[in-house]
Amino acid sequence: SRKVLVLFVVQKLEARFPQASKTSIGHVVQLLYRAS
């Protein structure tokens, strides 16, 4: 699901990129969704 995918990415990134929130990563996933 989108929620699980976003949470996985945020947890892996938070140590090095604390600015990577669930909202921002959700928007990255949305970009890939728009790209089909």
ModelCIF file with pLDDT and N, C-alpha, C, O atoms, coordinates in Angstrom:
data_MODEL
#
_entry.id   MODEL 
#
_entity.id                         1 
_entity.type                       polymer 
_entity.pdbx_number_of_molecules   1 
#
_entity_poly.entity_id                      1 
_entity_poly.type                           'polypeptide(L)' 
_entity_poly.nstd_linkage                   no 
_entity_poly.nstd_monomer                   no 
_entity_poly.pdbx_seq_one_letter_code       SRKVLVLFVVQKLEARFPQASKTSIGHVVQLLYRAS 
_entity_poly.pdbx_seq_one_letter_code_can   SRKVLVLFVVQKLEARFPQASKTSIGHVVQLLYRAS 
_entity_poly.pdbx_strand_id                 A 
#
loop_
_entity_poly_seq.entity_id 
_entity_poly_seq.num 
_entity_poly_seq.mon_id 
_entity_poly_seq.hetero 
1 1  SER n 
1 2  ARG n 
1 3  LYS n 
1 4  VAL n 
1 5  LEU n 
1 6  VAL n 
1 7  LEU n 
1 8  PHE n 
1 9  VAL n 
1 10 VAL n 
1 11 GLN n 
1 12 LYS n 
1 13 LEU n 
1 14 GLU n 
1 15 ALA n 
1 16 ARG n 
1 17 PHE n 
1 18 PRO n 
1 19 GLN n 
1 20 ALA n 
1 21 SER n 
1 22 LYS n 
1 23 THR n 
1 24 SER n 
1 25 ILE n 
1 26 GLY n 
1 27 HIS n 
1 28 VAL n 
1 29 VAL n 
1 30 GLN n 
1 31 LEU n 
1 32 LEU n 
1 33 TYR n 
1 34 ARG n 
1 35 ALA n 
1 36 SER n 
#
_struct_asym.id          A 
_struct_asym.entity_id   1 
#
loop_
_ma_qa_metric.id 
_ma_qa_metric.mode 
_ma_qa_metric.name 
_ma_qa_metric.software_group_id 
_ma_qa_metric.type 
1 global pLDDT . pLDDT 
2 local  pLDDT . pLDDT 
#
_ma_qa_metric_global.metric_id      1 
_ma_qa_metric_global.metric_value   93.06 
_ma_qa_metric_global.model_id       1 
_ma_qa_metric_global.ordinal_id     1 
#
loop_
_ma_qa_metric_local.label_asym_id 
_ma_qa_metric_local.label_comp_id 
_ma_qa_metric_local.label_seq_id 
_ma_qa_metric_local.metric_id 
_ma_qa_metric_local.metric_value 
_ma_qa_metric_local.model_id 
_ma_qa_metric_local.ordinal_id 
A SER 1  2 94.00 1 1  
A ARG 2  2 94.00 1 2  
A LYS 3  2 94.00 1 3  
A VAL 4  2 95.00 1 4  
A LEU 5  2 96.00 1 5  
A VAL 6  2 96.00 1 6  
A LEU 7  2 95.00 1 7  
A PHE 8  2 95.00 1 8  
A VAL 9  2 95.00 1 9  
A VAL 10 2 95.00 1 10 
A GLN 11 2 94.00 1 11 
A LYS 12 2 93.00 1 12 
A LEU 13 2 92.00 1 13 
A GLU 14 2 88.00 1 14 
A ALA 15 2 86.00 1 15 
A ARG 16 2 88.00 1 16 
A PHE 17 2 88.00 1 17 
A PRO 18 2 86.00 1 18 
A GLN 19 2 83.00 1 19 
A ALA 20 2 87.00 1 20 
A SER 21 2 92.00 1 21 
A LYS 22 2 94.00 1 22 
A THR 23 2 94.00 1 23 
A SER 24 2 94.00 1 24 
A ILE 25 2 95.00 1 25 
A GLY 26 2 95.00 1 26 
A HIS 27 2 96.00 1 27 
A VAL 28 2 95.00 1 28 
A VAL 29 2 96.00 1 29 
A GLN 30 2 96.00 1 30 
A LEU 31 2 96.00 1 31 
A LEU 32 2 96.00 1 32 
A TYR 33 2 95.00 1 33 
A ARG 34 2 94.00 1 34 
A ALA 35 2 94.00 1 35 
A SER 36 2 94.00 1 36 
#
loop_
_atom_site.group_PDB 
_atom_site.id 
_atom_site.type_symbol 
_atom_site.label_atom_id 
_atom_site.label_alt_id 
_atom_site.label_comp_id 
_atom_site.label_asym_id 
_atom_site.label_entity_id 
_atom_site.label_seq_id 
_atom_site.pdbx_PDB_ins_code 
_atom_site.Cartn_x 
_atom_site.Cartn_y 
_atom_site.Cartn_z 
_atom_site.occupancy 
_atom_site.B_iso_or_equiv 
_atom_site.pdbx_formal_charge 
_atom_site.auth_seq_id 
_atom_site.auth_comp_id 
_atom_site.auth_asym_id 
_atom_site.auth_atom_id 
_atom_site.pdbx_PDB_model_num 
ATOM 1   N N  . SER A 1 1  ? 0.859  -1.186 0.000   1.00 94.00 ? 1  SER A N  1 
ATOM 2   C CA . SER A 1 1  ? 0.000  0.000  0.000   1.00 94.00 ? 1  SER A CA 1 
ATOM 3   C C  . SER A 1 1  ? 0.893  1.233  0.000   1.00 94.00 ? 1  SER A C  1 
ATOM 4   O O  . SER A 1 1  ? 2.061  1.153  0.380   1.00 94.00 ? 1  SER A O  1 
ATOM 5   N N  . ARG A 1 2  ? 0.358  2.360  -0.419  1.00 94.00 ? 2  ARG A N  1 
ATOM 6   C CA . ARG A 1 2  ? 1.136  3.596  -0.453  1.00 94.00 ? 2  ARG A CA 1 
ATOM 7   C C  . ARG A 1 2  ? 1.658  3.934  0.943   1.00 94.00 ? 2  ARG A C  1 
ATOM 8   O O  . ARG A 1 2  ? 2.809  4.345  1.091   1.00 94.00 ? 2  ARG A O  1 
ATOM 9   N N  . LYS A 1 3  ? 0.817  3.763  1.967   1.00 94.00 ? 3  LYS A N  1 
ATOM 10  C CA . LYS A 1 3  ? 1.204  4.104  3.332   1.00 94.00 ? 3  LYS A CA 1 
ATOM 11  C C  . LYS A 1 3  ? 2.395  3.283  3.791   1.00 94.00 ? 3  LYS A C  1 
ATOM 12  O O  . LYS A 1 3  ? 3.333  3.825  4.376   1.00 94.00 ? 3  LYS A O  1 
ATOM 13  N N  . VAL A 1 4  ? 2.369  1.971  3.531   1.00 95.00 ? 4  VAL A N  1 
ATOM 14  C CA . VAL A 1 4  ? 3.461  1.094  3.948   1.00 95.00 ? 4  VAL A CA 1 
ATOM 15  C C  . VAL A 1 4  ? 4.740  1.428  3.183   1.00 95.00 ? 4  VAL A C  1 
ATOM 16  O O  . VAL A 1 4  ? 5.826  1.453  3.761   1.00 95.00 ? 4  VAL A O  1 
ATOM 17  N N  . LEU A 1 5  ? 4.608  1.682  1.887   1.00 96.00 ? 5  LEU A N  1 
ATOM 18  C CA . LEU A 1 5  ? 5.774  2.016  1.056   1.00 96.00 ? 5  LEU A CA 1 
ATOM 19  C C  . LEU A 1 5  ? 6.420  3.309  1.536   1.00 96.00 ? 5  LEU A C  1 
ATOM 20  O O  . LEU A 1 5  ? 7.642  3.377  1.671   1.00 96.00 ? 5  LEU A O  1 
ATOM 21  N N  . VAL A 1 6  ? 5.616  4.332  1.794   1.00 96.00 ? 6  VAL A N  1 
ATOM 22  C CA . VAL A 1 6  ? 6.135  5.627  2.248   1.00 96.00 ? 6  VAL A CA 1 
ATOM 23  C C  . VAL A 1 6  ? 6.816  5.484  3.603   1.00 96.00 ? 6  VAL A C  1 
ATOM 24  O O  . VAL A 1 6  ? 7.896  6.033  3.819   1.00 96.00 ? 6  VAL A O  1 
ATOM 25  N N  . LEU A 1 7  ? 6.191  4.752  4.510   1.00 95.00 ? 7  LEU A N  1 
ATOM 26  C CA . LEU A 1 7  ? 6.762  4.565  5.848   1.00 95.00 ? 7  LEU A CA 1 
ATOM 27  C C  . LEU A 1 7  ? 8.108  3.849  5.773   1.00 95.00 ? 7  LEU A C  1 
ATOM 28  O O  . LEU A 1 7  ? 9.041  4.209  6.490   1.00 95.00 ? 7  LEU A O  1 
ATOM 29  N N  . PHE A 1 8  ? 8.214  2.850  4.922   1.00 95.00 ? 8  PHE A N  1 
ATOM 30  C CA . PHE A 1 8  ? 9.475  2.110  4.739   1.00 95.00 ? 8  PHE A CA 1 
ATOM 31  C C  . PHE A 1 8  ? 10.585 3.055  4.291   1.00 95.00 ? 8  PHE A C  1 
ATOM 32  O O  . PHE A 1 8  ? 11.687 3.020  4.838   1.00 95.00 ? 8  PHE A O  1 
ATOM 33  N N  . VAL A 1 9  ? 10.301 3.902  3.294   1.00 95.00 ? 9  VAL A N  1 
ATOM 34  C CA . VAL A 1 9  ? 11.313 4.818  2.768   1.00 95.00 ? 9  VAL A CA 1 
ATOM 35  C C  . VAL A 1 9  ? 11.716 5.849  3.814   1.00 95.00 ? 9  VAL A C  1 
ATOM 36  O O  . VAL A 1 9  ? 12.902 6.140  3.969   1.00 95.00 ? 9  VAL A O  1 
ATOM 37  N N  . VAL A 1 10 ? 10.742 6.405  4.535   1.00 95.00 ? 10 VAL A N  1 
ATOM 38  C CA . VAL A 1 10 ? 11.032 7.420  5.556   1.00 95.00 ? 10 VAL A CA 1 
ATOM 39  C C  . VAL A 1 10 ? 11.924 6.848  6.652   1.00 95.00 ? 10 VAL A C  1 
ATOM 40  O O  . VAL A 1 10 ? 12.880 7.496  7.078   1.00 95.00 ? 10 VAL A O  1 
ATOM 41  N N  . GLN A 1 11 ? 11.618 5.650  7.103   1.00 94.00 ? 11 GLN A N  1 
ATOM 42  C CA . GLN A 1 11 ? 12.406 5.038  8.172   1.00 94.00 ? 11 GLN A CA 1 
ATOM 43  C C  . GLN A 1 11 ? 13.844 4.789  7.739   1.00 94.00 ? 11 GLN A C  1 
ATOM 44  O O  . GLN A 1 11 ? 14.768 4.925  8.540   1.00 94.00 ? 11 GLN A O  1 
ATOM 45  N N  . LYS A 1 12 ? 14.037 4.426  6.481   1.00 93.00 ? 12 LYS A N  1 
ATOM 46  C CA . LYS A 1 12 ? 15.392 4.178  5.989   1.00 93.00 ? 12 LYS A CA 1 
ATOM 47  C C  . LYS A 1 12 ? 16.172 5.481  5.774   1.00 93.00 ? 12 LYS A C  1 
ATOM 48  O O  . LYS A 1 12 ? 17.399 5.494  5.870   1.00 93.00 ? 12 LYS A O  1 
ATOM 49  N N  . LEU A 1 13 ? 15.464 6.567  5.487   1.00 92.00 ? 13 LEU A N  1 
ATOM 50  C CA . LEU A 1 13 ? 16.114 7.832  5.164   1.00 92.00 ? 13 LEU A CA 1 
ATOM 51  C C  . LEU A 1 13 ? 16.343 8.741  6.364   1.00 92.00 ? 13 LEU A C  1 
ATOM 52  O O  . LEU A 1 13 ? 17.230 9.595  6.329   1.00 92.00 ? 13 LEU A O  1 
ATOM 53  N N  . GLU A 1 14 ? 15.557 8.573  7.430   1.00 88.00 ? 14 GLU A N  1 
ATOM 54  C CA . GLU A 1 14 ? 15.512 9.594  8.485   1.00 88.00 ? 14 GLU A CA 1 
ATOM 55  C C  . GLU A 1 14 ? 16.848 9.858  9.152   1.00 88.00 ? 14 GLU A C  1 
ATOM 56  O O  . GLU A 1 14 ? 17.073 10.964 9.644   1.00 88.00 ? 14 GLU A O  1 
ATOM 57  N N  . ALA A 1 15 ? 17.748 8.874  9.186   1.00 86.00 ? 15 ALA A N  1 
ATOM 58  C CA . ALA A 1 15 ? 19.041 9.089  9.841   1.00 86.00 ? 15 ALA A CA 1 
ATOM 59  C C  . ALA A 1 15 ? 19.897 10.101 9.086   1.00 86.00 ? 15 ALA A C  1 
ATOM 60  O O  . ALA A 1 15 ? 20.566 10.933 9.700   1.00 86.00 ? 15 ALA A O  1 
ATOM 61  N N  . ARG A 1 16 ? 19.877 10.032 7.758   1.00 88.00 ? 16 ARG A N  1 
ATOM 62  C CA . ARG A 1 16 ? 20.718 10.922 6.946   1.00 88.00 ? 16 ARG A CA 1 
ATOM 63  C C  . ARG A 1 16 ? 19.975 12.126 6.401   1.00 88.00 ? 16 ARG A C  1 
ATOM 64  O O  . ARG A 1 16 ? 20.567 13.184 6.188   1.00 88.00 ? 16 ARG A O  1 
ATOM 65  N N  . PHE A 1 17 ? 18.666 11.967 6.173   1.00 88.00 ? 17 PHE A N  1 
ATOM 66  C CA . PHE A 1 17 ? 17.870 13.053 5.608   1.00 88.00 ? 17 PHE A CA 1 
ATOM 67  C C  . PHE A 1 17 ? 16.631 13.284 6.474   1.00 88.00 ? 17 PHE A C  1 
ATOM 68  O O  . PHE A 1 17 ? 15.537 12.838 6.127   1.00 88.00 ? 17 PHE A O  1 
ATOM 69  N N  . PRO A 1 18 ? 16.802 13.983 7.603   1.00 86.00 ? 18 PRO A N  1 
ATOM 70  C CA . PRO A 1 18 ? 15.665 14.199 8.504   1.00 86.00 ? 18 PRO A CA 1 
ATOM 71  C C  . PRO A 1 18 ? 14.527 14.998 7.876   1.00 86.00 ? 18 PRO A C  1 
ATOM 72  O O  . PRO A 1 18 ? 13.406 14.987 8.385   1.00 86.00 ? 18 PRO A O  1 
ATOM 73  N N  . GLN A 1 19 ? 14.813 15.699 6.760   1.00 83.00 ? 19 GLN A N  1 
ATOM 74  C CA . GLN A 1 19 ? 13.757 16.473 6.103   1.00 83.00 ? 19 GLN A CA 1 
ATOM 75  C C  . GLN A 1 19 ? 12.808 15.581 5.310   1.00 83.00 ? 19 GLN A C  1 
ATOM 76  O O  . GLN A 1 19 ? 11.781 16.049 4.819   1.00 83.00 ? 19 GLN A O  1 
ATOM 77  N N  . ALA A 1 20 ? 13.144 14.310 5.184   1.00 87.00 ? 20 ALA A N  1 
ATOM 78  C CA . ALA A 1 20 ? 12.301 13.385 4.415   1.00 87.00 ? 20 ALA A CA 1 
ATOM 79  C C  . ALA A 1 20 ? 11.131 12.918 5.285   1.00 87.00 ? 20 ALA A C  1 
ATOM 80  O O  . ALA A 1 20 ? 11.227 11.898 5.968   1.00 87.00 ? 20 ALA A O  1 
ATOM 81  N N  . SER A 1 21 ? 10.042 13.662 5.257   1.00 92.00 ? 21 SER A N  1 
ATOM 82  C CA . SER A 1 21 ? 8.853  13.335 6.038   1.00 92.00 ? 21 SER A CA 1 
ATOM 83  C C  . SER A 1 21 ? 7.939  12.407 5.248   1.00 92.00 ? 21 SER A C  1 
ATOM 84  O O  . SER A 1 21 ? 8.160  12.153 4.064   1.00 92.00 ? 21 SER A O  1 
ATOM 85  N N  . LYS A 1 22 ? 6.906  11.906 5.924   1.00 94.00 ? 22 LYS A N  1 
ATOM 86  C CA . LYS A 1 22 ? 5.931  11.055 5.228   1.00 94.00 ? 22 LYS A CA 1 
ATOM 87  C C  . LYS A 1 22 ? 5.231  11.837 4.114   1.00 94.00 ? 22 LYS A C  1 
ATOM 88  O O  . LYS A 1 22 ? 4.902  11.282 3.065   1.00 94.00 ? 22 LYS A O  1 
ATOM 89  N N  . THR A 1 23 ? 5.008  13.129 4.353   1.00 94.00 ? 23 THR A N  1 
ATOM 90  C CA . THR A 1 23 ? 4.352  13.945 3.327   1.00 94.00 ? 23 THR A CA 1 
ATOM 91  C C  . THR A 1 23 ? 5.244  14.108 2.092   1.00 94.00 ? 23 THR A C  1 
ATOM 92  O O  . THR A 1 23 ? 4.793  13.928 0.961   1.00 94.00 ? 23 THR A O  1 
ATOM 93  N N  . SER A 1 24 ? 6.529  14.456 2.327   1.00 94.00 ? 24 SER A N  1 
ATOM 94  C CA . SER A 1 24 ? 7.434  14.693 1.200   1.00 94.00 ? 24 SER A CA 1 
ATOM 95  C C  . SER A 1 24 ? 7.691  13.409 0.406   1.00 94.00 ? 24 SER A C  1 
ATOM 96  O O  . SER A 1 24 ? 7.726  13.436 -0.825  1.00 94.00 ? 24 SER A O  1 
ATOM 97  N N  . ILE A 1 25 ? 7.871  12.283 1.111   1.00 95.00 ? 25 ILE A N  1 
ATOM 98  C CA . ILE A 1 25 ? 8.096  11.020 0.402   1.00 95.00 ? 25 ILE A CA 1 
ATOM 99  C C  . ILE A 1 25 ? 6.817  10.590 -0.317  1.00 95.00 ? 25 ILE A C  1 
ATOM 100 O O  . ILE A 1 25 ? 6.870  9.996  -1.394  1.00 95.00 ? 25 ILE A O  1 
ATOM 101 N N  . GLY A 1 26 ? 5.684  10.893 0.282   1.00 95.00 ? 26 GLY A N  1 
ATOM 102 C CA . GLY A 1 26 ? 4.411  10.605 -0.392  1.00 95.00 ? 26 GLY A CA 1 
ATOM 103 C C  . GLY A 1 26 ? 4.311  11.348 -1.705  1.00 95.00 ? 26 GLY A C  1 
ATOM 104 O O  . GLY A 1 26 ? 3.744  10.839 -2.672  1.00 95.00 ? 26 GLY A O  1 
ATOM 105 N N  . HIS A 1 27 ? 4.864  12.564 -1.744  1.00 96.00 ? 27 HIS A N  1 
ATOM 106 C CA . HIS A 1 27 ? 4.850  13.352 -2.971  1.00 96.00 ? 27 HIS A CA 1 
ATOM 107 C C  . HIS A 1 27 ? 5.814  12.787 -4.018  1.00 96.00 ? 27 HIS A C  1 
ATOM 108 O O  . HIS A 1 27 ? 5.558  12.887 -5.218  1.00 96.00 ? 27 HIS A O  1 
ATOM 109 N N  . VAL A 1 28 ? 6.929  12.189 -3.560  1.00 95.00 ? 28 VAL A N  1 
ATOM 110 C CA . VAL A 1 28 ? 7.853  11.523 -4.489  1.00 95.00 ? 28 VAL A CA 1 
ATOM 111 C C  . VAL A 1 28 ? 7.163  10.308 -5.115  1.00 95.00 ? 28 VAL A C  1 
ATOM 112 O O  . VAL A 1 28 ? 7.266  10.075 -6.319  1.00 95.00 ? 28 VAL A O  1 
ATOM 113 N N  . VAL A 1 29 ? 6.460  9.541  -4.283  1.00 96.00 ? 29 VAL A N  1 
ATOM 114 C CA . VAL A 1 29 ? 5.718  8.379  -4.780  1.00 96.00 ? 29 VAL A CA 1 
ATOM 115 C C  . VAL A 1 29 ? 4.638  8.827  -5.765  1.00 96.00 ? 29 VAL A C  1 
ATOM 116 O O  . VAL A 1 29 ? 4.378  8.152  -6.761  1.00 96.00 ? 29 VAL A O  1 
ATOM 117 N N  . GLN A 1 30 ? 4.018  9.960  -5.480  1.00 96.00 ? 30 GLN A N  1 
ATOM 118 C CA . GLN A 1 30 ? 2.998  10.494 -6.380  1.00 96.00 ? 30 GLN A CA 1 
ATOM 119 C C  . GLN A 1 30 ? 3.587  10.832 -7.751  1.00 96.00 ? 30 GLN A C  1 
ATOM 120 O O  . GLN A 1 30 ? 2.926  10.670 -8.777  1.00 96.00 ? 30 GLN A O  1 
ATOM 121 N N  . LEU A 1 31 ? 4.831  11.303 -7.756  1.00 96.00 ? 31 LEU A N  1 
ATOM 122 C CA . LEU A 1 31 ? 5.508  11.608 -9.011  1.00 96.00 ? 31 LEU A CA 1 
ATOM 123 C C  . LEU A 1 31 ? 5.653  10.342 -9.857  1.00 96.00 ? 31 LEU A C  1 
ATOM 124 O O  . LEU A 1 31 ? 5.427  10.366 -11.067 1.00 96.00 ? 31 LEU A O  1 
ATOM 125 N N  . LEU A 1 32 ? 6.031  9.236  -9.210  1.00 96.00 ? 32 LEU A N  1 
ATOM 126 C CA . LEU A 1 32 ? 6.154  7.961  -9.916  1.00 96.00 ? 32 LEU A CA 1 
ATOM 127 C C  . LEU A 1 32 ? 4.782  7.455  -10.363 1.00 96.00 ? 32 LEU A C  1 
ATOM 128 O O  . LEU A 1 32 ? 4.650  6.830  -11.415 1.00 96.00 ? 32 LEU A O  1 
ATOM 129 N N  . TYR A 1 33 ? 3.770  7.732  -9.553  1.00 95.00 ? 33 TYR A N  1 
ATOM 130 C CA . TYR A 1 33 ? 2.405  7.331  -9.917  1.00 95.00 ? 33 TYR A CA 1 
ATOM 131 C C  . TYR A 1 33 ? 1.943  8.086  -11.167 1.00 95.00 ? 33 TYR A C  1 
ATOM 132 O O  . TYR A 1 33 ? 1.334  7.509  -12.068 1.00 95.00 ? 33 TYR A O  1 
ATOM 133 N N  . ARG A 1 34 ? 2.245  9.393  -11.204 1.00 94.00 ? 34 ARG A N  1 
ATOM 134 C CA . ARG A 1 34 ? 1.897  10.192 -12.384 1.00 94.00 ? 34 ARG A CA 1 
ATOM 135 C C  . ARG A 1 34 ? 2.623  9.688  -13.623 1.00 94.00 ? 34 ARG A C  1 
ATOM 136 O O  . ARG A 1 34 ? 2.111  9.796  -14.738 1.00 94.00 ? 34 ARG A O  1 
ATOM 137 N N  . ALA A 1 35 ? 3.821  9.136  -13.424 1.00 94.00 ? 35 ALA A N  1 
ATOM 138 C CA . ALA A 1 35 ? 4.615  8.620  -14.537 1.00 94.00 ? 35 ALA A CA 1 
ATOM 139 C C  . ALA A 1 35 ? 4.181  7.218  -14.950 1.00 94.00 ? 35 ALA A C  1 
ATOM 140 O O  . ALA A 1 35 ? 4.788  6.609  -15.831 1.00 94.00 ? 35 ALA A O  1 
ATOM 141 N N  . SER A 1 36 ? 3.123  6.703  -14.309 1.00 94.00 ? 36 SER A N  1 
ATOM 142 C CA . SER A 1 36 ? 2.575  5.366  -14.625 1.00 94.00 ? 36 SER A CA 1 
ATOM 143 C C  . SER A 1 36 ? 3.594  4.248  -14.404 1.00 94.00 ? 36 SER A C  1 
ATOM 144 O O  . SER A 1 36 ? 3.283  3.077  -14.625 1.00 94.00 ? 36 SER A O  1 
#
